[in-house]
């Protein structure tokens, strides 16, 4: 499962854009950038800090971290927060995601991700189905896009083997908030994650 998540996070990293992404360009755009990111990861001349820097450069413009944060904490809780608390939570959640991505990229070897299907679920919702392939094993990963107010398509969630990453965080956060105040959740997010153990 950790190795599958490594490739999911690879696609997070490779999904960069300097212009709005049109609907008909999503599949080609994603595949081209997956190929670009795997080239970076396979370059043995790059030290980890340099590799991370190259990948971090392409993080932000296709992921709507504000919407992801809102979905992860739930609409009712989000609406109860002040603007400053919403901003703080979004920054901490984004940081948590990015740190997790970089740790899991250490697990990458030679897996491939190929685009299989692009399906318009609603007028402003698209699901991009991909297959992660390692030897004879195939795992399905679905990237969920929505059309923002600028008519660009942005990722707001990913399903890995039928499990939503945002829903998993929402369950985790709901468990905390059922017992603790919101400030306690912020405190936990400020704490560094324990390093992922490398495969021996």
N, C-alpha and C. Protein backbone atom coordinates (compact mmCIF):
# COMPACT_ATOMS: atom_id res chain seq x y z
N UNK A 1 0.83 -1.20 0.00
CA UNK A 1 0.00 0.00 0.00
C UNK A 1 0.87 1.26 0.00
N UNK A 2 1.97 1.26 0.79
CA UNK A 2 2.85 2.41 0.83
C UNK A 2 3.44 2.69 -0.55
N UNK A 3 3.79 1.62 -1.29
CA UNK A 3 4.37 1.80 -2.62
C UNK A 3 3.33 2.38 -3.58
N UNK A 4 2.07 1.98 -3.43
CA UNK A 4 1.00 2.55 -4.26
C UNK A 4 0.86 4.03 -3.97
N UNK A 5 0.86 4.39 -2.69
CA UNK A 5 0.74 5.80 -2.32
C UNK A 5 1.91 6.61 -2.83
N UNK A 6 3.09 5.98 -2.91
CA UNK A 6 4.25 6.70 -3.45
C UNK A 6 3.98 7.17 -4.86
N UNK A 7 3.33 6.33 -5.67
CA UNK A 7 3.03 6.72 -7.05
C UNK A 7 1.89 7.70 -7.14
N UNK A 8 0.94 7.62 -6.20
CA UNK A 8 -0.11 8.63 -6.14
C UNK A 8 0.51 9.99 -5.87
N UNK A 9 1.41 10.05 -4.91
CA UNK A 9 2.05 11.31 -4.55
C UNK A 9 2.95 11.80 -5.66
N UNK A 10 3.54 10.88 -6.42
CA UNK A 10 4.32 11.26 -7.60
C UNK A 10 3.44 12.04 -8.56
N UNK A 11 2.22 11.56 -8.78
CA UNK A 11 1.33 12.25 -9.70
C UNK A 11 0.90 13.59 -9.12
N UNK A 12 0.73 13.68 -7.80
CA UNK A 12 0.48 14.98 -7.18
C UNK A 12 1.58 15.95 -7.57
N UNK A 13 2.81 15.49 -7.45
CA UNK A 13 3.94 16.36 -7.70
C UNK A 13 4.05 16.76 -9.16
N UNK A 14 3.70 15.86 -10.05
CA UNK A 14 3.93 16.13 -11.47
C UNK A 14 2.82 16.96 -12.08
N UNK A 15 1.74 17.19 -11.32
CA UNK A 15 0.58 17.84 -11.89
C UNK A 15 0.68 19.36 -11.82
N UNK A 16 1.60 19.93 -12.61
CA UNK A 16 1.77 21.38 -12.57
C UNK A 16 1.25 22.02 -13.84
N UNK A 17 0.96 23.31 -13.75
CA UNK A 17 0.42 24.01 -14.91
C UNK A 17 0.67 25.50 -14.77
N UNK A 18 1.02 26.13 -15.88
CA UNK A 18 1.18 27.58 -15.89
C UNK A 18 -0.03 28.24 -16.54
N UNK A 19 -0.91 27.45 -17.14
CA UNK A 19 -2.11 27.98 -17.77
C UNK A 19 -3.29 27.12 -17.34
N UNK A 20 -4.50 27.61 -17.60
CA UNK A 20 -5.69 26.84 -17.26
C UNK A 20 -5.73 25.54 -18.06
N UNK A 21 -6.13 24.46 -17.39
CA UNK A 21 -6.23 23.16 -18.05
C UNK A 21 -7.63 23.00 -18.62
N UNK A 22 -7.72 22.76 -19.91
CA UNK A 22 -9.00 22.53 -20.55
C UNK A 22 -9.39 21.06 -20.41
N UNK A 23 -10.69 20.79 -20.47
CA UNK A 23 -11.20 19.43 -20.29
C UNK A 23 -10.55 18.44 -21.24
N UNK A 24 -10.44 18.80 -22.52
CA UNK A 24 -9.94 17.85 -23.51
C UNK A 24 -8.43 17.63 -23.41
N UNK A 25 -7.76 18.44 -22.57
CA UNK A 25 -6.31 18.32 -22.42
C UNK A 25 -5.89 17.51 -21.19
N UNK A 26 -6.85 17.17 -20.32
CA UNK A 26 -6.49 16.60 -19.03
C UNK A 26 -5.67 15.31 -19.16
N UNK A 27 -6.14 14.37 -19.98
CA UNK A 27 -5.46 13.06 -20.07
C UNK A 27 -4.03 13.20 -20.57
N UNK A 28 -3.85 13.92 -21.68
CA UNK A 28 -2.52 14.09 -22.25
C UNK A 28 -1.62 14.86 -21.30
N UNK A 29 -2.18 15.91 -20.71
CA UNK A 29 -1.43 16.73 -19.77
C UNK A 29 -0.90 15.91 -18.60
N UNK A 30 -1.78 15.11 -18.01
CA UNK A 30 -1.38 14.30 -16.85
C UNK A 30 -0.34 13.25 -17.24
N UNK A 31 -0.55 12.57 -18.36
CA UNK A 31 0.40 11.54 -18.76
C UNK A 31 1.78 12.13 -19.05
N UNK A 32 1.82 13.24 -19.76
CA UNK A 32 3.10 13.87 -20.07
C UNK A 32 3.86 14.26 -18.81
N UNK A 33 3.15 14.78 -17.83
CA UNK A 33 3.82 15.22 -16.62
C UNK A 33 4.17 14.08 -15.68
N UNK A 34 3.42 13.00 -15.72
CA UNK A 34 3.82 11.78 -15.01
C UNK A 34 5.15 11.30 -15.56
N UNK A 35 5.28 11.27 -16.88
CA UNK A 35 6.53 10.83 -17.51
C UNK A 35 7.68 11.76 -17.14
N UNK A 36 7.41 13.06 -17.09
CA UNK A 36 8.45 14.02 -16.72
C UNK A 36 8.93 13.80 -15.29
N UNK A 37 8.00 13.60 -14.37
CA UNK A 37 8.36 13.42 -12.97
C UNK A 37 9.12 12.12 -12.73
N UNK A 38 8.74 11.05 -13.43
CA UNK A 38 9.47 9.79 -13.26
C UNK A 38 10.90 9.93 -13.77
N UNK A 39 11.09 10.74 -14.80
CA UNK A 39 12.45 10.99 -15.29
C UNK A 39 13.30 11.65 -14.21
N UNK A 40 12.72 12.59 -13.49
CA UNK A 40 13.43 13.25 -12.39
C UNK A 40 13.79 12.25 -11.31
N UNK A 41 12.84 11.38 -10.96
CA UNK A 41 13.08 10.41 -9.89
C UNK A 41 14.11 9.35 -10.27
N UNK A 42 14.23 9.07 -11.56
CA UNK A 42 15.19 8.06 -12.01
C UNK A 42 16.59 8.61 -12.20
N UNK A 43 16.73 9.92 -12.09
CA UNK A 43 18.04 10.54 -12.30
C UNK A 43 18.90 10.34 -11.05
N UNK A 44 19.80 9.39 -11.10
CA UNK A 44 20.63 9.03 -9.95
C UNK A 44 21.65 10.11 -9.61
N UNK A 45 21.88 11.05 -10.52
CA UNK A 45 22.84 12.12 -10.26
C UNK A 45 22.28 13.17 -9.30
N UNK A 46 20.97 13.20 -9.17
CA UNK A 46 20.33 14.20 -8.31
C UNK A 46 20.37 13.73 -6.86
N UNK A 47 20.86 14.59 -5.98
CA UNK A 47 20.77 14.32 -4.55
C UNK A 47 19.33 14.59 -4.09
N UNK A 48 18.96 14.03 -2.95
CA UNK A 48 17.58 14.13 -2.48
C UNK A 48 17.09 15.58 -2.36
N UNK A 49 17.89 16.51 -1.78
CA UNK A 49 17.40 17.90 -1.69
C UNK A 49 17.12 18.52 -3.05
N UNK A 50 18.00 18.26 -4.03
CA UNK A 50 17.82 18.81 -5.36
C UNK A 50 16.61 18.19 -6.05
N UNK A 51 16.45 16.87 -5.88
CA UNK A 51 15.30 16.18 -6.47
C UNK A 51 14.01 16.71 -5.86
N UNK A 52 14.00 16.87 -4.53
CA UNK A 52 12.81 17.37 -3.86
C UNK A 52 12.47 18.78 -4.33
N UNK A 53 13.50 19.61 -4.50
CA UNK A 53 13.28 20.99 -4.95
C UNK A 53 12.64 21.02 -6.32
N UNK A 54 13.15 20.17 -7.23
CA UNK A 54 12.59 20.13 -8.59
C UNK A 54 11.12 19.70 -8.57
N UNK A 55 10.81 18.75 -7.69
CA UNK A 55 9.44 18.26 -7.63
C UNK A 55 8.52 19.23 -6.90
N UNK A 56 9.03 19.90 -5.88
CA UNK A 56 8.20 20.87 -5.15
C UNK A 56 7.81 22.05 -6.02
N UNK A 57 8.66 22.40 -6.97
CA UNK A 57 8.36 23.53 -7.86
C UNK A 57 7.04 23.32 -8.58
N UNK A 58 6.69 22.05 -8.83
CA UNK A 58 5.51 21.76 -9.65
C UNK A 58 4.31 21.29 -8.82
N UNK A 59 4.31 21.63 -7.53
CA UNK A 59 3.26 21.14 -6.64
C UNK A 59 1.92 21.83 -6.78
N UNK A 60 1.91 23.15 -6.78
CA UNK A 60 0.77 23.86 -6.24
C UNK A 60 -0.38 24.22 -7.19
N UNK A 61 -0.12 24.41 -8.45
CA UNK A 61 -1.10 25.13 -9.25
C UNK A 61 -2.30 24.30 -9.70
N UNK A 62 -2.26 22.98 -9.54
CA UNK A 62 -3.43 22.20 -9.94
C UNK A 62 -4.19 21.61 -8.76
N UNK A 63 -3.67 21.76 -7.55
CA UNK A 63 -4.37 21.26 -6.37
C UNK A 63 -5.00 22.40 -5.61
N UNK A 64 -6.30 22.27 -5.35
CA UNK A 64 -7.03 23.29 -4.60
C UNK A 64 -6.95 22.92 -3.12
N UNK A 65 -5.91 23.40 -2.46
CA UNK A 65 -5.69 23.03 -1.07
C UNK A 65 -6.77 23.59 -0.14
N UNK A 66 -7.35 24.73 -0.51
CA UNK A 66 -8.42 25.29 0.32
C UNK A 66 -9.64 24.40 0.29
N UNK A 67 -10.05 23.96 -0.89
CA UNK A 67 -11.20 23.06 -0.99
C UNK A 67 -10.89 21.72 -0.34
N UNK A 68 -9.68 21.20 -0.56
CA UNK A 68 -9.29 19.94 0.07
C UNK A 68 -9.36 20.05 1.59
N UNK A 69 -8.93 21.19 2.14
CA UNK A 69 -8.98 21.40 3.58
C UNK A 69 -10.41 21.47 4.07
N UNK A 70 -11.26 22.17 3.33
CA UNK A 70 -12.67 22.30 3.70
C UNK A 70 -13.36 20.93 3.71
N UNK A 71 -13.09 20.12 2.69
CA UNK A 71 -13.68 18.79 2.61
C UNK A 71 -13.15 17.87 3.71
N UNK A 72 -11.86 18.03 4.04
CA UNK A 72 -11.25 17.15 5.03
C UNK A 72 -11.78 17.42 6.44
N UNK A 73 -12.14 18.65 6.71
CA UNK A 73 -12.62 18.98 8.06
C UNK A 73 -14.14 19.01 8.14
N UNK A 74 -14.80 19.07 7.00
CA UNK A 74 -16.26 19.08 6.98
C UNK A 74 -16.83 20.48 6.91
N UNK A 75 -17.88 20.64 6.13
CA UNK A 75 -18.45 21.97 5.88
C UNK A 75 -18.93 22.68 7.13
N UNK A 76 -19.55 21.95 8.07
CA UNK A 76 -20.08 22.58 9.28
C UNK A 76 -18.96 23.13 10.15
N UNK A 77 -17.91 22.33 10.34
CA UNK A 77 -16.78 22.78 11.15
C UNK A 77 -16.07 23.95 10.47
N UNK A 78 -15.90 23.85 9.12
CA UNK A 78 -15.23 24.90 8.36
C UNK A 78 -15.98 26.23 8.51
N UNK A 79 -17.31 26.18 8.41
CA UNK A 79 -18.12 27.40 8.49
C UNK A 79 -18.05 28.04 9.87
N UNK A 80 -17.76 27.24 10.89
CA UNK A 80 -17.70 27.78 12.26
C UNK A 80 -16.38 28.49 12.56
N UNK A 81 -15.39 28.35 11.65
CA UNK A 81 -14.07 28.93 11.89
C UNK A 81 -13.98 30.35 11.36
N UNK A 82 -13.19 31.15 12.03
CA UNK A 82 -12.90 32.48 11.52
C UNK A 82 -12.03 32.36 10.27
N UNK A 83 -11.95 33.44 9.51
CA UNK A 83 -11.13 33.44 8.30
C UNK A 83 -9.67 33.13 8.62
N UNK A 84 -9.18 33.65 9.72
CA UNK A 84 -7.78 33.41 10.08
C UNK A 84 -7.53 31.96 10.45
N UNK A 85 -8.50 31.32 11.11
CA UNK A 85 -8.37 29.91 11.47
C UNK A 85 -8.48 29.02 10.23
N UNK A 86 -9.35 29.39 9.29
CA UNK A 86 -9.43 28.65 8.03
C UNK A 86 -8.09 28.69 7.30
N UNK A 87 -7.48 29.87 7.27
CA UNK A 87 -6.18 30.03 6.60
C UNK A 87 -5.11 29.21 7.30
N UNK A 88 -5.10 29.25 8.63
CA UNK A 88 -4.08 28.50 9.38
C UNK A 88 -4.24 27.01 9.16
N UNK A 89 -5.48 26.52 9.22
CA UNK A 89 -5.72 25.09 9.02
C UNK A 89 -5.30 24.67 7.61
N UNK A 90 -5.64 25.48 6.62
CA UNK A 90 -5.28 25.15 5.24
C UNK A 90 -3.78 25.05 5.07
N UNK A 91 -3.03 25.99 5.64
CA UNK A 91 -1.58 25.97 5.52
C UNK A 91 -0.98 24.74 6.20
N UNK A 92 -1.50 24.39 7.39
CA UNK A 92 -0.98 23.24 8.11
C UNK A 92 -1.33 21.93 7.40
N UNK A 93 -2.54 21.85 6.86
CA UNK A 93 -2.96 20.65 6.15
C UNK A 93 -2.15 20.48 4.86
N UNK A 94 -1.94 21.57 4.15
CA UNK A 94 -1.11 21.53 2.94
C UNK A 94 0.30 21.07 3.28
N UNK A 95 0.86 21.59 4.34
CA UNK A 95 2.20 21.20 4.76
C UNK A 95 2.25 19.72 5.10
N UNK A 96 1.23 19.23 5.80
CA UNK A 96 1.18 17.81 6.17
C UNK A 96 1.15 16.93 4.92
N UNK A 97 0.35 17.31 3.94
CA UNK A 97 0.28 16.55 2.69
C UNK A 97 1.62 16.52 1.99
N UNK A 98 2.28 17.66 1.90
CA UNK A 98 3.53 17.75 1.16
C UNK A 98 4.65 16.94 1.83
N UNK A 99 4.72 17.01 3.16
CA UNK A 99 5.73 16.23 3.87
C UNK A 99 5.50 14.75 3.66
N UNK A 100 4.24 14.35 3.72
CA UNK A 100 3.89 12.94 3.50
C UNK A 100 4.26 12.51 2.09
N UNK A 101 4.01 13.38 1.10
CA UNK A 101 4.35 13.06 -0.29
C UNK A 101 5.84 12.78 -0.43
N UNK A 102 6.66 13.68 0.12
CA UNK A 102 8.10 13.57 -0.08
C UNK A 102 8.68 12.34 0.60
N UNK A 103 8.14 11.98 1.77
CA UNK A 103 8.60 10.77 2.44
C UNK A 103 8.29 9.53 1.60
N UNK A 104 7.10 9.49 1.05
CA UNK A 104 6.69 8.29 0.32
C UNK A 104 7.37 8.17 -1.04
N UNK A 105 7.87 9.27 -1.58
CA UNK A 105 8.59 9.18 -2.85
C UNK A 105 9.89 8.39 -2.73
N UNK A 106 10.39 8.23 -1.51
CA UNK A 106 11.58 7.40 -1.31
C UNK A 106 11.30 5.94 -1.65
N UNK A 107 10.01 5.56 -1.69
CA UNK A 107 9.64 4.18 -2.00
C UNK A 107 9.56 3.92 -3.50
N UNK A 108 9.66 4.98 -4.30
CA UNK A 108 9.51 4.80 -5.75
C UNK A 108 10.66 4.00 -6.34
N UNK A 109 10.31 3.03 -7.22
CA UNK A 109 11.33 2.28 -7.96
C UNK A 109 11.08 2.45 -9.45
N UNK A 110 10.39 1.49 -10.07
CA UNK A 110 10.18 1.59 -11.52
C UNK A 110 8.73 1.39 -11.92
N UNK A 111 7.79 1.67 -11.01
CA UNK A 111 6.38 1.52 -11.33
C UNK A 111 5.95 2.50 -12.42
N UNK A 112 4.87 2.16 -13.11
CA UNK A 112 4.33 3.03 -14.15
C UNK A 112 2.88 3.37 -13.84
N UNK A 113 2.48 4.57 -14.24
CA UNK A 113 1.07 4.96 -14.20
C UNK A 113 0.63 5.30 -15.61
N UNK A 114 -0.46 4.68 -16.06
CA UNK A 114 -0.98 4.97 -17.39
C UNK A 114 -2.43 5.44 -17.27
N UNK A 115 -2.79 6.35 -18.15
CA UNK A 115 -4.16 6.88 -18.17
C UNK A 115 -5.08 5.87 -18.86
N UNK A 116 -6.21 5.56 -18.22
CA UNK A 116 -7.14 4.59 -18.79
C UNK A 116 -8.45 5.21 -19.25
N UNK A 117 -8.98 6.17 -18.48
CA UNK A 117 -10.31 6.67 -18.83
C UNK A 117 -10.55 8.04 -18.21
N UNK A 118 -11.24 8.89 -18.96
CA UNK A 118 -11.66 10.20 -18.47
C UNK A 118 -13.18 10.25 -18.55
N UNK A 119 -13.83 10.42 -17.41
CA UNK A 119 -15.29 10.37 -17.36
C UNK A 119 -15.84 11.64 -16.73
N UNK A 120 -16.78 12.27 -17.42
CA UNK A 120 -17.44 13.46 -16.89
C UNK A 120 -18.60 13.00 -16.01
N UNK A 121 -18.46 13.19 -14.70
CA UNK A 121 -19.47 12.75 -13.75
C UNK A 121 -20.63 13.73 -13.70
N UNK A 122 -20.30 15.02 -13.63
CA UNK A 122 -21.28 16.10 -13.68
C UNK A 122 -20.69 17.18 -14.57
N UNK A 123 -21.44 18.26 -14.77
CA UNK A 123 -20.97 19.33 -15.64
C UNK A 123 -19.64 19.90 -15.17
N UNK A 124 -19.45 19.95 -13.85
CA UNK A 124 -18.22 20.54 -13.31
C UNK A 124 -17.39 19.52 -12.54
N UNK A 125 -17.58 18.23 -12.82
CA UNK A 125 -16.82 17.18 -12.15
C UNK A 125 -16.32 16.15 -13.17
N UNK A 126 -15.05 15.82 -13.07
CA UNK A 126 -14.45 14.82 -13.96
C UNK A 126 -13.62 13.84 -13.12
N UNK A 127 -13.69 12.55 -13.46
CA UNK A 127 -12.85 11.54 -12.84
C UNK A 127 -11.87 11.00 -13.87
N UNK A 128 -10.60 11.04 -13.53
CA UNK A 128 -9.55 10.49 -14.39
C UNK A 128 -9.08 9.18 -13.77
N UNK A 129 -9.37 8.07 -14.44
CA UNK A 129 -8.97 6.76 -13.94
C UNK A 129 -7.60 6.40 -14.50
N UNK A 130 -6.70 6.00 -13.61
CA UNK A 130 -5.36 5.58 -14.02
C UNK A 130 -5.09 4.19 -13.45
N UNK A 131 -4.14 3.50 -14.09
CA UNK A 131 -3.69 2.21 -13.58
C UNK A 131 -2.22 2.29 -13.23
N UNK A 132 -1.91 1.91 -11.99
CA UNK A 132 -0.54 1.80 -11.55
C UNK A 132 -0.10 0.36 -11.80
N UNK A 133 1.00 0.18 -12.52
CA UNK A 133 1.42 -1.16 -12.93
C UNK A 133 2.81 -1.47 -12.39
N UNK A 134 2.91 -2.61 -11.73
CA UNK A 134 4.17 -3.12 -11.23
C UNK A 134 4.22 -4.60 -11.54
N UNK A 135 5.08 -4.97 -12.49
CA UNK A 135 5.13 -6.36 -12.97
C UNK A 135 3.74 -6.75 -13.47
N UNK A 136 3.13 -7.78 -12.90
CA UNK A 136 1.81 -8.22 -13.38
C UNK A 136 0.67 -7.64 -12.55
N UNK A 137 0.98 -6.81 -11.57
CA UNK A 137 -0.06 -6.25 -10.70
C UNK A 137 -0.54 -4.92 -11.24
N UNK A 138 -1.86 -4.71 -11.14
CA UNK A 138 -2.48 -3.46 -11.60
C UNK A 138 -3.37 -2.91 -10.49
N UNK A 139 -3.19 -1.62 -10.16
CA UNK A 139 -3.99 -0.98 -9.12
C UNK A 139 -4.67 0.25 -9.71
N UNK A 140 -5.95 0.42 -9.38
CA UNK A 140 -6.71 1.54 -9.91
C UNK A 140 -6.64 2.75 -8.98
N UNK A 141 -6.35 3.91 -9.57
CA UNK A 141 -6.31 5.17 -8.85
C UNK A 141 -7.15 6.17 -9.63
N UNK A 142 -8.04 6.86 -8.95
CA UNK A 142 -8.93 7.82 -9.61
C UNK A 142 -8.65 9.22 -9.08
N UNK A 143 -8.32 10.14 -10.00
CA UNK A 143 -8.08 11.53 -9.66
C UNK A 143 -9.36 12.32 -9.95
N UNK A 144 -9.82 13.07 -8.95
CA UNK A 144 -11.08 13.77 -9.05
C UNK A 144 -10.83 15.26 -9.30
N UNK A 145 -11.36 15.75 -10.41
CA UNK A 145 -11.21 17.15 -10.81
C UNK A 145 -12.54 17.89 -10.68
N UNK A 146 -12.46 19.19 -10.43
CA UNK A 146 -13.63 20.04 -10.55
C UNK A 146 -13.23 21.29 -11.32
N UNK A 147 -14.20 21.93 -11.92
CA UNK A 147 -13.95 23.16 -12.69
C UNK A 147 -14.14 24.36 -11.78
N UNK A 148 -13.08 25.16 -11.63
CA UNK A 148 -13.15 26.29 -10.72
C UNK A 148 -13.77 27.51 -11.40
N UNK A 149 -13.79 28.62 -10.69
CA UNK A 149 -14.45 29.82 -11.20
C UNK A 149 -13.72 30.42 -12.39
N UNK A 150 -12.46 30.01 -12.60
CA UNK A 150 -11.69 30.47 -13.76
C UNK A 150 -11.76 29.50 -14.93
N UNK A 151 -12.66 28.50 -14.82
CA UNK A 151 -12.83 27.47 -15.85
C UNK A 151 -11.60 26.59 -16.05
N UNK A 152 -10.76 26.51 -15.01
CA UNK A 152 -9.63 25.58 -15.03
C UNK A 152 -10.01 24.36 -14.20
N UNK A 153 -9.50 23.20 -14.60
CA UNK A 153 -9.80 21.98 -13.89
C UNK A 153 -8.76 21.72 -12.81
N UNK A 154 -9.23 21.54 -11.57
CA UNK A 154 -8.36 21.38 -10.40
C UNK A 154 -8.66 20.05 -9.71
N UNK A 155 -7.64 19.46 -9.10
CA UNK A 155 -7.81 18.23 -8.35
C UNK A 155 -8.22 18.57 -6.91
N UNK A 156 -9.26 17.85 -6.43
CA UNK A 156 -9.71 18.06 -5.05
C UNK A 156 -9.70 16.78 -4.22
N UNK A 157 -9.46 15.62 -4.84
CA UNK A 157 -9.41 14.37 -4.09
C UNK A 157 -8.84 13.27 -4.99
N UNK A 158 -8.41 12.17 -4.36
CA UNK A 158 -7.90 11.01 -5.07
C UNK A 158 -8.42 9.76 -4.37
N UNK A 159 -8.93 8.82 -5.15
CA UNK A 159 -9.32 7.51 -4.63
C UNK A 159 -8.21 6.51 -4.92
N UNK A 160 -7.73 5.83 -3.89
CA UNK A 160 -6.71 4.80 -4.04
C UNK A 160 -7.32 3.47 -3.63
N UNK A 161 -7.45 2.57 -4.59
CA UNK A 161 -8.08 1.26 -4.34
C UNK A 161 -9.45 1.43 -3.70
N UNK A 162 -10.20 2.42 -4.19
CA UNK A 162 -11.56 2.64 -3.72
C UNK A 162 -11.68 3.46 -2.45
N UNK A 163 -10.56 3.96 -1.92
CA UNK A 163 -10.59 4.73 -0.67
C UNK A 163 -10.18 6.17 -0.97
N UNK A 164 -11.01 7.12 -0.57
CA UNK A 164 -10.74 8.54 -0.76
C UNK A 164 -9.71 9.02 0.26
N UNK A 165 -8.65 9.66 -0.23
CA UNK A 165 -7.64 10.21 0.68
C UNK A 165 -8.25 11.30 1.56
N UNK A 166 -9.08 12.16 0.97
CA UNK A 166 -9.70 13.23 1.75
C UNK A 166 -10.66 12.65 2.79
N UNK A 167 -11.42 11.63 2.42
CA UNK A 167 -12.34 11.01 3.38
C UNK A 167 -11.58 10.37 4.53
N UNK A 168 -10.42 9.78 4.23
CA UNK A 168 -9.60 9.17 5.29
C UNK A 168 -9.16 10.23 6.30
N UNK A 169 -8.72 11.40 5.79
CA UNK A 169 -8.35 12.48 6.69
C UNK A 169 -9.56 13.01 7.44
N UNK A 170 -10.70 13.07 6.76
CA UNK A 170 -11.91 13.59 7.42
C UNK A 170 -12.30 12.71 8.60
N UNK A 171 -12.18 11.39 8.43
CA UNK A 171 -12.47 10.47 9.53
C UNK A 171 -11.49 10.68 10.68
N UNK A 172 -10.23 10.84 10.35
CA UNK A 172 -9.19 11.06 11.36
C UNK A 172 -9.45 12.36 12.13
N UNK A 173 -9.75 13.43 11.40
CA UNK A 173 -9.99 14.72 12.04
C UNK A 173 -11.27 14.71 12.87
N UNK A 174 -12.30 14.01 12.37
CA UNK A 174 -13.57 13.94 13.10
C UNK A 174 -13.38 13.22 14.43
N UNK A 175 -12.56 12.18 14.45
CA UNK A 175 -12.28 11.46 15.69
C UNK A 175 -11.62 12.37 16.72
N UNK A 176 -10.71 13.22 16.25
CA UNK A 176 -10.03 14.16 17.16
C UNK A 176 -11.02 15.20 17.68
N UNK A 177 -11.81 15.77 16.76
CA UNK A 177 -12.72 16.86 17.14
C UNK A 177 -13.89 16.37 17.99
N UNK A 178 -14.17 15.07 17.96
CA UNK A 178 -15.23 14.53 18.82
C UNK A 178 -14.82 14.55 20.29
N UNK A 179 -13.50 14.62 20.53
CA UNK A 179 -12.99 14.56 21.90
C UNK A 179 -12.25 15.83 22.33
N UNK A 180 -11.75 16.56 21.34
CA UNK A 180 -10.89 17.70 21.64
C UNK A 180 -11.37 18.95 20.91
N UNK A 181 -11.01 20.14 21.40
CA UNK A 181 -11.36 21.38 20.69
C UNK A 181 -10.52 21.53 19.43
N UNK A 182 -10.93 22.46 18.57
CA UNK A 182 -10.25 22.66 17.29
C UNK A 182 -8.78 23.01 17.49
N UNK A 183 -8.45 23.76 18.53
CA UNK A 183 -7.07 24.14 18.79
C UNK A 183 -6.18 22.91 18.98
N UNK A 184 -6.74 21.84 19.52
CA UNK A 184 -5.97 20.61 19.71
C UNK A 184 -5.63 19.98 18.37
N UNK A 185 -6.56 20.06 17.42
CA UNK A 185 -6.29 19.55 16.07
C UNK A 185 -5.16 20.35 15.43
N UNK A 186 -5.21 21.67 15.55
CA UNK A 186 -4.14 22.50 15.01
C UNK A 186 -2.79 22.14 15.65
N UNK A 187 -2.82 21.89 16.95
CA UNK A 187 -1.59 21.51 17.65
C UNK A 187 -1.02 20.21 17.10
N UNK A 188 -1.89 19.24 16.84
CA UNK A 188 -1.43 17.96 16.28
C UNK A 188 -0.87 18.15 14.87
N UNK A 189 -1.48 19.03 14.09
CA UNK A 189 -0.99 19.27 12.74
C UNK A 189 0.37 19.98 12.75
N UNK A 190 0.61 20.75 13.78
CA UNK A 190 1.90 21.45 13.88
C UNK A 190 3.03 20.49 14.22
N UNK A 191 2.70 19.35 14.81
CA UNK A 191 3.73 18.39 15.20
C UNK A 191 4.25 17.65 13.98
N UNK A 192 5.58 17.46 13.86
CA UNK A 192 6.13 16.74 12.71
C UNK A 192 5.72 15.27 12.72
N UNK A 193 5.45 14.74 11.53
CA UNK A 193 5.14 13.32 11.41
C UNK A 193 6.39 12.50 11.67
N UNK A 194 6.20 11.27 12.17
CA UNK A 194 7.33 10.38 12.31
C UNK A 194 7.78 9.93 10.92
N UNK A 195 9.08 9.85 10.68
CA UNK A 195 9.58 9.45 9.36
C UNK A 195 9.06 8.09 8.94
N UNK A 196 8.76 7.96 7.66
CA UNK A 196 8.36 6.67 7.11
C UNK A 196 9.56 5.75 7.06
N UNK A 197 9.43 4.53 7.53
CA UNK A 197 10.53 3.58 7.51
C UNK A 197 10.80 3.15 6.07
N UNK A 198 12.06 3.14 5.72
CA UNK A 198 12.43 2.70 4.39
C UNK A 198 12.41 1.19 4.29
N UNK A 199 12.12 0.71 3.12
CA UNK A 199 12.13 -0.72 2.87
C UNK A 199 13.55 -1.24 2.96
N UNK A 200 13.72 -2.32 3.73
CA UNK A 200 15.05 -2.91 3.87
C UNK A 200 15.41 -3.74 2.67
